[in-house]
N, C-alpha and C. Protein backbone atom coordinates (compact mmCIF):
# COMPACT_ATOMS: atom_id res chain seq x y z
N MET A 1 85.57 111.39 102.02
CA MET A 1 84.03 110.95 102.93
C MET A 1 85.11 109.73 103.92
N ARG A 2 84.73 109.84 104.98
CA ARG A 2 85.00 108.99 105.83
C ARG A 2 83.57 108.05 106.01
N ASP A 3 84.19 106.85 106.24
CA ASP A 3 82.42 106.07 106.35
C ASP A 3 82.58 105.15 108.02
N SER A 4 83.62 105.27 109.02
CA SER A 4 83.78 104.64 109.80
C SER A 4 83.96 105.77 111.08
N ILE A 5 83.11 105.47 112.33
CA ILE A 5 82.84 105.81 113.23
C ILE A 5 83.65 105.52 114.71
N THR A 6 84.84 105.79 115.16
CA THR A 6 85.20 105.28 116.41
C THR A 6 84.47 104.59 117.83
N GLY A 7 85.20 103.79 118.38
CA GLY A 7 84.07 103.16 119.05
C GLY A 7 83.37 104.24 120.18
N ASP A 8 84.31 105.37 120.79
CA ASP A 8 83.97 106.16 121.65
C ASP A 8 82.83 107.00 121.27
N ALA A 9 83.02 107.51 119.67
CA ALA A 9 82.21 108.30 119.35
C ALA A 9 80.89 107.38 118.78
N ARG A 10 80.82 105.96 118.55
CA ARG A 10 79.41 105.27 118.51
C ARG A 10 79.31 105.01 119.94
N LEU A 11 79.64 105.25 121.12
CA LEU A 11 79.13 105.18 122.09
C LEU A 11 78.39 106.34 122.79
N ALA A 12 79.11 107.18 122.56
CA ALA A 12 78.89 108.77 123.21
C ALA A 12 77.15 109.01 122.00
N LEU A 13 77.31 108.84 121.08
CA LEU A 13 76.75 109.02 120.09
C LEU A 13 75.01 108.06 120.75
N ASP A 14 75.45 107.02 120.88
CA ASP A 14 74.20 105.45 121.09
C ASP A 14 73.62 106.39 122.20
N LEU A 15 74.67 106.62 123.75
CA LEU A 15 73.89 107.48 124.79
C LEU A 15 73.26 108.57 124.03
N ALA A 16 73.45 109.13 123.79
CA ALA A 16 72.78 110.56 123.31
C ALA A 16 71.73 110.36 122.59
N LEU A 17 71.83 109.58 121.64
CA LEU A 17 70.21 109.01 121.09
C LEU A 17 69.47 108.23 121.75
N THR A 18 70.09 108.24 123.27
CA THR A 18 68.47 107.03 124.11
C THR A 18 67.64 108.21 124.34
N ILE A 19 67.73 109.79 123.67
CA ILE A 19 66.51 110.55 123.67
C ILE A 19 65.85 110.94 122.15
N ARG A 20 64.56 110.53 121.90
CA ARG A 20 64.33 110.36 120.46
C ARG A 20 62.63 111.12 120.59
N HIS A 21 62.56 111.81 118.88
CA HIS A 21 61.14 111.81 118.84
C HIS A 21 60.21 110.91 119.56
N ASP A 22 58.90 111.10 119.68
CA ASP A 22 57.74 110.38 120.23
C ASP A 22 57.28 109.81 119.14
N GLY A 23 56.97 110.82 117.95
CA GLY A 23 56.04 110.39 116.74
C GLY A 23 54.98 111.09 117.38
N ASN A 24 54.80 111.69 118.12
CA ASN A 24 53.75 112.92 118.53
C ASN A 24 54.19 114.31 118.87
N GLY A 25 55.16 114.69 118.33
CA GLY A 25 55.54 116.14 118.59
C GLY A 25 56.75 116.00 120.06
N GLY A 26 56.70 115.13 120.58
CA GLY A 26 57.51 115.42 121.59
C GLY A 26 58.57 114.25 121.92
N VAL A 27 59.14 114.19 122.63
CA VAL A 27 60.51 113.58 122.49
C VAL A 27 60.38 112.10 123.65
N THR A 28 60.81 110.95 123.92
CA THR A 28 60.68 109.89 124.63
C THR A 28 62.05 109.83 124.85
N ASP A 29 62.43 108.93 126.01
CA ASP A 29 63.39 108.27 126.50
C ASP A 29 63.72 106.83 126.60
N ASP A 30 64.43 106.44 126.34
CA ASP A 30 64.53 104.93 125.79
C ASP A 30 64.98 104.28 127.34
N LEU A 31 65.88 104.82 128.03
CA LEU A 31 65.74 104.39 129.09
C LEU A 31 65.20 104.93 130.47
N THR A 32 64.08 104.49 130.44
CA THR A 32 62.74 104.40 131.47
C THR A 32 62.56 103.96 132.57
N GLY A 33 63.64 103.01 132.97
CA GLY A 33 64.04 102.37 133.96
C GLY A 33 65.09 101.37 134.60
N PRO A 34 65.19 100.99 135.51
CA PRO A 34 67.02 99.99 135.77
C PRO A 34 66.76 98.74 134.24
N SER A 35 65.56 98.20 134.18
CA SER A 35 65.53 97.39 133.14
C SER A 35 66.08 97.69 131.87
N ALA A 36 65.52 98.76 131.61
CA ALA A 36 65.99 99.58 130.14
C ALA A 36 67.39 99.81 130.05
N LEU A 37 67.93 100.44 131.30
CA LEU A 37 69.28 100.43 130.98
C LEU A 37 70.51 99.26 131.15
N THR A 38 69.84 97.97 131.72
CA THR A 38 70.20 96.73 131.75
C THR A 38 70.68 96.50 130.47
N ALA A 39 69.24 96.36 129.95
CA ALA A 39 69.22 96.05 128.44
C ALA A 39 70.02 96.42 127.17
N TRP A 40 70.13 97.82 127.85
CA TRP A 40 71.07 98.70 126.50
C TRP A 40 72.65 98.33 126.68
N VAL A 41 73.12 98.03 128.19
CA VAL A 41 74.24 97.58 128.45
C VAL A 41 74.68 96.54 127.89
N HIS A 42 73.74 95.06 127.95
CA HIS A 42 73.50 94.37 127.38
C HIS A 42 74.07 94.58 125.54
N ALA A 43 73.15 95.18 125.20
CA ALA A 43 73.23 94.81 123.42
C ALA A 43 74.50 95.94 123.01
N ARG A 44 75.36 96.02 124.32
CA ARG A 44 76.69 96.53 123.80
C ARG A 44 77.95 96.20 124.10
N PRO A 45 77.93 94.74 124.11
CA PRO A 45 78.77 93.87 124.49
C PRO A 45 80.22 94.04 124.21
N ASP A 46 80.93 95.01 123.59
CA ASP A 46 82.29 95.49 123.79
C ASP A 46 82.31 96.88 124.05
N ALA A 47 81.29 96.98 124.74
CA ALA A 47 81.90 98.94 125.03
C ALA A 47 81.86 98.76 126.50
N PHE A 48 81.08 97.77 127.63
CA PHE A 48 81.57 97.30 128.92
C PHE A 48 82.23 96.05 129.13
N PRO A 49 82.89 96.58 130.68
CA PRO A 49 83.71 95.04 130.87
C PRO A 49 82.24 94.26 131.80
N HIS A 50 82.33 93.13 131.00
CA HIS A 50 81.66 91.51 131.44
C HIS A 50 80.14 92.86 131.37
N PRO A 51 79.47 93.13 130.25
CA PRO A 51 78.44 93.14 130.49
C PRO A 51 76.71 92.47 130.50
N GLU A 52 77.28 90.92 130.49
CA GLU A 52 76.27 89.95 130.31
C GLU A 52 76.21 89.63 132.02
N GLN A 53 77.23 90.56 133.05
CA GLN A 53 76.76 90.64 134.44
C GLN A 53 76.18 91.65 135.09
N PHE A 54 75.88 92.91 134.03
CA PHE A 54 75.57 93.71 134.96
C PHE A 54 73.97 94.04 134.99
N VAL A 55 73.58 94.82 136.03
CA VAL A 55 71.88 94.72 136.48
C VAL A 55 71.82 95.91 136.62
N ALA A 56 71.23 96.91 136.34
CA ALA A 56 71.23 98.18 136.80
C ALA A 56 70.39 98.40 137.88
N GLY A 57 70.61 99.33 139.07
CA GLY A 57 69.66 99.79 140.10
C GLY A 57 69.69 101.27 139.57
N ALA A 58 68.93 101.83 140.29
CA ALA A 58 68.08 102.98 140.66
C ALA A 58 69.22 104.48 140.17
N ALA A 59 70.07 104.21 141.29
CA ALA A 59 71.25 105.04 141.06
C ALA A 59 72.17 104.59 139.59
N HIS A 60 72.43 103.75 138.87
CA HIS A 60 72.90 103.88 137.65
C HIS A 60 72.41 104.55 137.05
N LEU A 61 71.01 104.36 136.70
CA LEU A 61 69.97 104.80 135.82
C LEU A 61 70.21 106.32 136.41
N THR A 62 70.08 107.22 137.44
CA THR A 62 70.56 107.99 137.77
C THR A 62 71.29 109.07 136.86
N ALA A 63 72.71 107.96 137.55
CA ALA A 63 74.09 108.55 136.84
C ALA A 63 73.98 108.47 135.76
N VAL A 64 73.58 107.34 134.86
CA VAL A 64 73.52 107.69 133.04
C VAL A 64 73.07 108.62 132.86
N ARG A 65 71.84 109.06 133.26
CA ARG A 65 70.48 110.04 132.79
C ARG A 65 71.16 111.42 132.81
N ASP A 66 72.16 111.41 134.01
CA ASP A 66 72.83 112.77 134.50
C ASP A 66 74.17 113.26 133.57
N LEU A 67 74.87 111.99 133.36
CA LEU A 67 75.53 112.28 132.56
C LEU A 67 74.77 111.89 130.81
N ARG A 68 73.82 111.59 130.32
CA ARG A 68 73.45 112.01 129.04
C ARG A 68 73.15 113.17 129.27
N THR A 69 72.74 114.25 130.04
CA THR A 69 72.18 115.55 130.14
C THR A 69 73.59 116.25 129.71
N ALA A 70 74.90 115.98 130.74
CA ALA A 70 75.92 116.72 130.74
C ALA A 70 76.30 116.74 128.84
N LEU A 71 76.31 115.63 128.49
CA LEU A 71 76.57 115.11 127.00
C LEU A 71 76.30 115.62 125.83
N ARG A 72 74.40 116.36 125.75
CA ARG A 72 73.87 116.56 125.11
C ARG A 72 74.02 117.76 125.22
N THR A 73 74.20 118.65 126.32
CA THR A 73 74.86 119.84 126.42
C THR A 73 76.16 119.88 125.90
N LEU A 74 76.98 119.21 125.97
CA LEU A 74 78.32 119.70 125.33
C LEU A 74 78.15 119.29 123.34
N PHE A 75 77.34 118.45 123.46
CA PHE A 75 76.95 118.17 121.79
C PHE A 75 76.52 119.41 121.35
N ALA A 76 75.24 119.85 122.27
CA ALA A 76 74.92 121.37 121.74
C ALA A 76 76.28 122.45 121.55
N HIS A 77 76.84 122.47 122.45
CA HIS A 77 78.30 123.20 122.43
C HIS A 77 78.98 123.40 121.12
N ALA A 78 79.44 121.75 121.07
CA ALA A 78 79.80 121.61 120.12
C ALA A 78 79.42 121.84 118.69
N VAL A 79 78.35 121.54 118.31
CA VAL A 79 77.94 122.04 117.09
C VAL A 79 77.45 123.72 116.92
N ARG A 80 77.76 124.41 117.77
CA ARG A 80 77.81 126.23 117.58
C ARG A 80 78.78 126.27 116.43
N PRO A 81 78.42 127.42 115.62
CA PRO A 81 77.23 128.31 115.84
C PRO A 81 75.84 128.02 115.83
N ALA A 82 75.98 126.59 114.93
CA ALA A 82 74.62 126.17 114.44
C ALA A 82 73.41 125.71 115.89
N ARG A 83 72.54 125.37 115.81
CA ARG A 83 71.70 125.28 116.81
C ARG A 83 71.36 123.84 116.89
N PRO A 84 71.42 124.05 118.51
CA PRO A 84 71.58 122.23 118.95
C PRO A 84 70.01 121.57 118.57
N SER A 85 70.19 120.25 118.80
CA SER A 85 68.84 119.76 118.64
C SER A 85 67.66 120.42 119.23
N PRO A 86 66.83 120.03 118.85
CA PRO A 86 65.41 120.75 119.19
C PRO A 86 64.98 120.41 120.95
N ALA A 87 65.37 118.92 121.20
CA ALA A 87 65.01 118.22 122.07
C ALA A 87 65.69 118.86 123.84
N ASP A 88 67.09 119.52 122.95
CA ASP A 88 67.67 120.45 124.29
C ASP A 88 67.42 121.57 123.96
N ALA A 89 66.87 122.58 123.09
CA ALA A 89 66.80 123.83 123.34
C ALA A 89 66.72 124.47 124.95
N THR A 90 65.75 123.66 125.63
CA THR A 90 65.56 124.16 126.81
C THR A 90 66.04 123.36 128.22
N ARG A 91 66.71 122.69 127.69
CA ARG A 91 66.86 121.49 129.10
C ARG A 91 68.47 121.68 128.77
N LEU A 92 69.28 122.80 128.28
CA LEU A 92 70.76 123.03 128.18
C LEU A 92 71.64 123.05 130.03
N LEU A 93 72.69 122.40 130.46
CA LEU A 93 73.36 122.71 131.24
C LEU A 93 73.98 123.68 130.87
N PRO A 94 74.53 124.71 131.81
CA PRO A 94 75.97 125.76 131.84
C PRO A 94 76.46 124.60 131.49
N VAL A 95 77.82 125.29 130.21
CA VAL A 95 78.77 124.49 129.70
C VAL A 95 80.10 123.87 131.17
N PRO A 96 80.25 124.85 132.31
CA PRO A 96 80.68 124.38 133.40
C PRO A 96 80.13 123.23 134.18
N GLU A 97 79.11 123.25 134.46
CA GLU A 97 77.95 122.05 134.83
C GLU A 97 78.34 120.84 134.31
N ALA A 98 78.03 120.90 132.95
CA ALA A 98 78.20 119.55 131.81
C ALA A 98 79.31 119.15 132.17
N LEU A 99 80.78 119.85 132.14
CA LEU A 99 82.09 119.47 132.20
C LEU A 99 82.38 118.65 133.66
N ARG A 100 82.11 118.87 134.57
CA ARG A 100 81.98 118.81 135.72
C ARG A 100 81.24 117.09 135.48
N ARG A 101 80.27 117.10 135.48
CA ARG A 101 79.40 116.09 135.34
C ARG A 101 79.81 115.03 134.71
N LEU A 102 80.80 115.46 133.80
CA LEU A 102 81.62 114.32 132.52
C LEU A 102 82.56 114.29 133.41
N ASN A 103 83.58 114.74 133.92
CA ASN A 103 84.56 114.54 134.43
C ASN A 103 84.74 113.94 135.43
N GLU A 104 83.61 114.17 136.70
CA GLU A 104 83.38 113.47 137.91
C GLU A 104 82.62 112.06 137.32
N ALA A 105 82.13 111.79 136.27
CA ALA A 105 81.87 110.14 136.00
C ALA A 105 82.80 109.36 135.56
N ALA A 106 83.57 110.26 134.97
CA ALA A 106 84.85 109.61 134.23
C ALA A 106 85.87 109.08 135.31
N ALA A 107 85.78 109.90 136.56
CA ALA A 107 86.81 109.87 137.52
C ALA A 107 86.47 108.77 138.45
N ARG A 108 85.35 108.05 138.23
CA ARG A 108 84.88 106.50 138.95
C ARG A 108 85.40 105.56 138.54
N THR A 109 86.01 105.57 137.51
CA THR A 109 86.96 104.38 137.14
C THR A 109 87.34 103.82 137.63
N PRO A 110 87.88 103.08 138.54
CA PRO A 110 89.10 102.67 139.16
C PRO A 110 90.02 102.37 138.56
N THR A 111 91.08 102.46 138.73
CA THR A 111 92.84 102.26 138.08
C THR A 111 94.00 101.54 139.02
N VAL A 112 94.21 101.14 138.80
CA VAL A 112 95.64 100.48 139.50
C VAL A 112 96.99 101.18 138.55
N PRO A 113 98.25 101.15 139.77
CA PRO A 113 99.05 101.73 138.75
C PRO A 113 99.87 100.46 137.92
N VAL A 114 100.73 100.69 137.07
CA VAL A 114 101.37 99.67 136.15
C VAL A 114 102.89 100.13 135.73
N LEU A 115 103.87 99.76 135.97
CA LEU A 115 105.25 99.78 135.96
C LEU A 115 105.55 99.36 134.56
N ASP A 116 106.19 100.42 134.34
CA ASP A 116 106.82 100.31 132.76
C ASP A 116 108.12 100.76 132.63
N TRP A 117 108.78 99.58 131.98
CA TRP A 117 110.56 100.06 132.42
C TRP A 117 111.09 99.90 130.99
N ASP A 118 111.57 100.47 130.01
CA ASP A 118 111.91 100.58 129.04
C ASP A 118 113.45 100.71 129.02
N GLY A 119 114.14 99.69 128.18
CA GLY A 119 115.67 99.66 128.11
C GLY A 119 116.24 100.48 129.53
N GLY A 120 117.13 101.73 128.82
CA GLY A 120 118.45 102.39 129.40
C GLY A 120 117.34 103.79 130.36
N ASP A 121 115.77 103.76 129.87
CA ASP A 121 115.50 104.80 130.99
C ASP A 121 114.91 104.29 132.03
N GLY A 122 114.50 104.74 133.17
CA GLY A 122 114.09 104.40 134.53
C GLY A 122 112.95 103.95 134.30
N PRO A 123 112.59 103.12 135.97
CA PRO A 123 110.98 102.93 135.85
C PRO A 123 109.96 104.11 135.70
N VAL A 124 108.85 103.79 135.22
CA VAL A 124 108.01 104.91 135.32
C VAL A 124 106.28 103.92 135.49
N VAL A 125 105.90 104.92 136.38
CA VAL A 125 104.46 104.28 136.88
C VAL A 125 103.10 105.05 136.30
N ARG A 126 102.50 103.81 135.37
CA ARG A 126 101.46 104.78 134.77
C ARG A 126 100.18 104.49 135.18
N ARG A 127 99.02 105.00 135.08
CA ARG A 127 97.25 104.54 135.76
C ARG A 127 97.03 103.72 134.72
N ARG A 128 96.74 102.99 134.97
CA ARG A 128 95.64 102.10 133.80
C ARG A 128 94.33 101.26 134.44
N PRO A 129 93.69 101.94 134.08
CA PRO A 129 91.70 100.85 134.06
C PRO A 129 91.92 99.85 134.69
N VAL A 130 91.11 99.48 135.57
CA VAL A 130 91.08 97.98 136.42
C VAL A 130 90.29 97.37 135.29
N PRO A 131 90.90 96.01 134.31
CA PRO A 131 89.89 95.49 133.44
C PRO A 131 88.66 95.06 133.85
N ASP A 132 88.53 94.62 135.25
CA ASP A 132 86.92 94.33 136.07
C ASP A 132 86.40 94.99 136.47
N GLY A 133 86.77 96.38 136.40
CA GLY A 133 86.56 97.23 136.82
C GLY A 133 85.47 97.67 137.88
N GLY A 134 84.46 96.88 138.43
CA GLY A 134 83.29 97.25 138.70
C GLY A 134 82.34 97.48 137.90
N GLN A 135 80.91 97.52 138.34
CA GLN A 135 80.04 98.21 137.40
C GLN A 135 79.54 99.08 136.84
N ASP A 136 79.90 100.28 136.66
CA ASP A 136 79.53 101.82 136.75
C ASP A 136 79.53 101.98 135.14
N PRO A 137 78.23 101.74 134.57
CA PRO A 137 78.49 102.27 133.19
C PRO A 137 78.60 103.81 132.78
N ALA A 138 78.32 104.63 134.05
CA ALA A 138 78.48 106.04 133.42
C ALA A 138 79.71 106.41 133.30
N ALA A 139 80.59 105.61 134.32
CA ALA A 139 81.96 105.78 134.11
C ALA A 139 83.05 105.90 132.89
N ALA A 140 82.45 104.24 132.46
CA ALA A 140 82.58 104.25 130.93
C ALA A 140 82.18 104.82 130.13
N LEU A 141 80.99 104.89 130.03
CA LEU A 141 80.57 106.11 128.84
C LEU A 141 81.04 107.63 129.12
N ALA A 142 81.50 108.32 130.56
CA ALA A 142 82.50 109.72 130.45
C ALA A 142 83.26 108.83 129.71
N GLN A 143 84.16 107.98 130.11
CA GLN A 143 85.41 108.25 129.37
C GLN A 143 85.31 107.98 127.98
N ALA A 144 84.22 107.35 127.14
CA ALA A 144 84.04 107.31 125.77
C ALA A 144 83.88 108.80 125.59
N ALA A 145 82.76 109.48 126.07
CA ALA A 145 82.49 110.75 125.64
C ALA A 145 83.74 111.64 125.49
N ILE A 146 84.50 111.91 126.69
CA ILE A 146 85.70 112.35 127.12
C ILE A 146 86.82 112.28 125.40
N GLY A 147 86.94 110.83 125.12
CA GLY A 147 87.27 110.47 124.13
C GLY A 147 86.77 110.95 122.81
N PHE A 148 85.48 110.99 122.58
CA PHE A 148 85.31 111.60 121.37
C PHE A 148 84.92 112.84 121.50
N LEU A 149 84.87 113.91 122.30
CA LEU A 149 84.71 114.99 122.54
C LEU A 149 86.35 115.96 122.42
N ALA A 150 86.99 115.24 122.02
CA ALA A 150 88.60 115.88 122.68
C ALA A 150 89.27 115.19 121.40
N GLY A 151 88.35 114.21 120.23
CA GLY A 151 89.23 113.33 119.50
C GLY A 151 88.74 114.03 117.70
N PRO A 152 89.04 114.30 116.63
CA PRO A 152 88.62 114.76 115.68
C PRO A 152 87.65 114.30 115.32
N ASP A 153 86.80 113.28 115.42
CA ASP A 153 85.36 113.22 115.14
C ASP A 153 84.48 114.22 115.47
N ARG A 154 84.72 114.97 116.57
CA ARG A 154 84.05 116.14 117.12
C ARG A 154 83.53 116.90 116.08
N GLU A 155 84.52 117.04 114.91
CA GLU A 155 84.33 118.35 114.40
C GLU A 155 83.37 117.91 113.25
N ARG A 156 82.66 116.40 112.63
CA ARG A 156 82.08 116.35 111.97
C ARG A 156 80.72 116.39 112.99
N LEU A 157 80.47 116.40 114.17
CA LEU A 157 79.46 116.11 114.80
C LEU A 157 78.31 117.62 114.84
N ARG A 158 77.03 116.87 114.06
CA ARG A 158 75.79 117.54 113.51
C ARG A 158 74.45 117.65 114.50
N ALA A 159 73.84 118.51 114.15
CA ALA A 159 72.55 118.41 115.07
C ALA A 159 71.43 118.49 113.38
N CYS A 160 70.31 117.06 113.72
CA CYS A 160 69.44 117.28 112.44
C CYS A 160 68.36 118.05 112.83
N HIS A 161 67.91 118.85 112.17
CA HIS A 161 66.99 119.71 111.73
C HIS A 161 65.55 119.74 111.08
N ALA A 162 65.63 118.29 110.94
CA ALA A 162 64.50 117.67 110.28
C ALA A 162 63.14 117.93 110.78
N PRO A 163 62.35 118.14 110.03
CA PRO A 163 60.97 118.27 111.15
C PRO A 163 60.89 116.71 112.16
N ARG A 164 60.57 117.06 113.57
CA ARG A 164 60.47 115.65 114.41
C ARG A 164 61.30 114.64 114.58
N CYS A 165 63.07 115.44 114.19
CA CYS A 165 63.99 114.58 114.48
C CYS A 165 64.40 115.46 115.77
N VAL A 166 65.29 114.72 116.70
CA VAL A 166 66.10 115.63 117.94
C VAL A 166 67.27 114.86 117.99
N ARG A 167 67.94 114.29 116.77
CA ARG A 167 69.20 113.71 116.57
C ARG A 167 70.68 114.33 116.33
N TYR A 168 71.46 113.73 116.93
CA TYR A 168 72.69 114.25 116.52
C TYR A 168 73.11 113.48 115.65
N PHE A 169 74.47 113.39 115.14
CA PHE A 169 75.12 112.68 114.19
C PHE A 169 76.18 113.27 113.48
N LEU A 170 77.28 112.27 112.76
CA LEU A 170 78.18 113.04 112.20
C LEU A 170 78.16 112.87 111.21
N LYS A 171 78.72 114.04 110.35
CA LYS A 171 78.46 114.02 109.28
C LYS A 171 79.32 113.43 108.08
N GLU A 172 79.25 112.52 106.84
CA GLU A 172 79.99 111.57 106.69
C GLU A 172 80.66 111.96 105.04
N HIS A 173 79.71 112.86 104.65
CA HIS A 173 80.18 113.41 103.17
C HIS A 173 79.61 115.69 103.11
N PRO A 174 80.31 115.70 102.79
CA PRO A 174 80.13 117.41 102.53
C PRO A 174 78.87 117.79 102.32
N ARG A 175 77.49 117.41 101.59
CA ARG A 175 76.46 117.70 101.28
C ARG A 175 75.24 117.32 102.29
N GLN A 176 75.79 116.56 103.29
CA GLN A 176 75.36 115.89 104.12
C GLN A 176 74.42 117.20 105.27
N GLU A 177 73.18 116.63 105.10
CA GLU A 177 72.19 117.76 106.15
C GLU A 177 71.25 116.85 107.65
N TRP A 178 71.29 115.32 107.05
CA TRP A 178 70.27 115.18 108.03
C TRP A 178 70.47 114.10 108.64
N CYS A 179 70.48 113.27 109.39
CA CYS A 179 71.00 112.13 110.04
C CYS A 179 70.64 110.79 109.22
N LYS A 180 69.48 110.88 108.46
CA LYS A 180 69.22 110.09 107.68
C LYS A 180 68.33 110.18 106.83
N PRO A 181 68.42 109.56 105.43
CA PRO A 181 67.70 109.72 104.35
C PRO A 181 65.95 110.16 104.54
N SER A 182 65.47 109.45 105.27
CA SER A 182 63.82 109.81 106.03
C SER A 182 63.68 111.19 106.30
N CYS A 183 64.89 111.73 107.27
CA CYS A 183 64.75 112.86 107.43
C CYS A 183 64.83 113.94 106.35
N GLY A 184 65.69 113.50 105.56
CA GLY A 184 65.98 114.60 104.33
C GLY A 184 64.60 114.66 103.78
N ASN A 185 63.72 113.69 103.47
CA ASN A 185 62.52 113.39 102.60
C ASN A 185 61.70 114.50 103.70
N ARG A 186 61.71 114.16 105.13
CA ARG A 186 60.28 114.94 105.68
C ARG A 186 61.04 116.94 105.35
N ALA A 187 62.40 117.38 105.72
CA ALA A 187 62.65 118.28 105.23
C ALA A 187 62.31 118.76 104.06
N ARG A 188 62.36 118.04 103.50
CA ARG A 188 61.75 118.46 101.60
C ARG A 188 60.61 118.54 101.52
N VAL A 189 59.97 117.89 102.01
CA VAL A 189 58.04 117.62 101.98
C VAL A 189 57.83 118.96 102.67
N ALA A 190 58.75 119.19 103.73
CA ALA A 190 58.02 119.99 105.09
C ALA A 190 58.24 121.96 104.37
N ARG A 191 59.48 121.91 103.66
CA ARG A 191 59.97 123.03 102.71
C ARG A 191 58.84 123.35 101.67
N HIS A 192 58.42 122.06 100.90
CA HIS A 192 57.61 122.06 99.74
C HIS A 192 55.88 122.80 100.38
N HIS A 193 55.70 122.51 101.55
CA HIS A 193 54.36 122.56 101.85
C HIS A 193 54.79 124.39 102.57
N GLU A 194 55.70 124.62 103.15
CA GLU A 194 55.81 125.85 103.51
C GLU A 194 55.79 127.18 102.02
N ARG A 195 56.88 126.79 100.78
CA ARG A 195 56.37 127.44 99.45
C ARG A 195 55.29 127.28 100.00
N HIS A 196 54.46 126.70 99.13
CA HIS A 196 52.99 126.77 98.55
C HIS A 196 52.19 127.50 99.54
N ARG A 197 52.38 127.45 100.81
CA ARG A 197 51.72 128.31 102.04
C ARG A 197 51.68 129.54 101.72
N ARG A 198 53.22 130.00 101.12
CA ARG A 198 53.58 131.47 101.51
C ARG A 198 52.90 131.72 99.91
N ALA A 199 53.08 131.08 99.12
CA ALA A 199 52.36 131.63 97.23
C ALA A 199 50.80 131.28 97.45
N GLY A 200 50.34 130.63 98.48
CA GLY A 200 48.73 130.81 98.36
C GLY A 200 47.91 131.85 98.76
């Protein structure tokens, strides 16, 4: 059993989970406007360079929401052959479009050339992200999503299918079926009611 989630996985999941059940049979968006995105970035001080200085604008919000749509599409693709989250069933992009959005967002991260020169080998130039590289949360989120989707944690990704849940989660143990215990309780109650309805 694994009990840790990498930073990339946590950030990618956190973005996906800004779409959640609204308690009334639908879904709600936690990123309702630029101020909500600003607060969301500020709440993740380890994920962004200088998050305390970030103030979102309409373009930031659009970019992050577009990235989230691409990410949830790729999450749905990753959990196949299982069903995607119910929130995504009718909102999925074609996978090539989702990949294009993700890669284009990641490419907006500014980089600088860095010279490495080890011992007897000749100099090698590598590119490194600029530490204070602008205020584009979508670029940082896209890079985290790529790290997660290309890494080993992707194999543990699941969609929760408890009634009224639209979350994705990482499976922590072999028997885990739901994102949290309350979802497991709702699923058991729903199965119990369905059995009694059929028997009655």
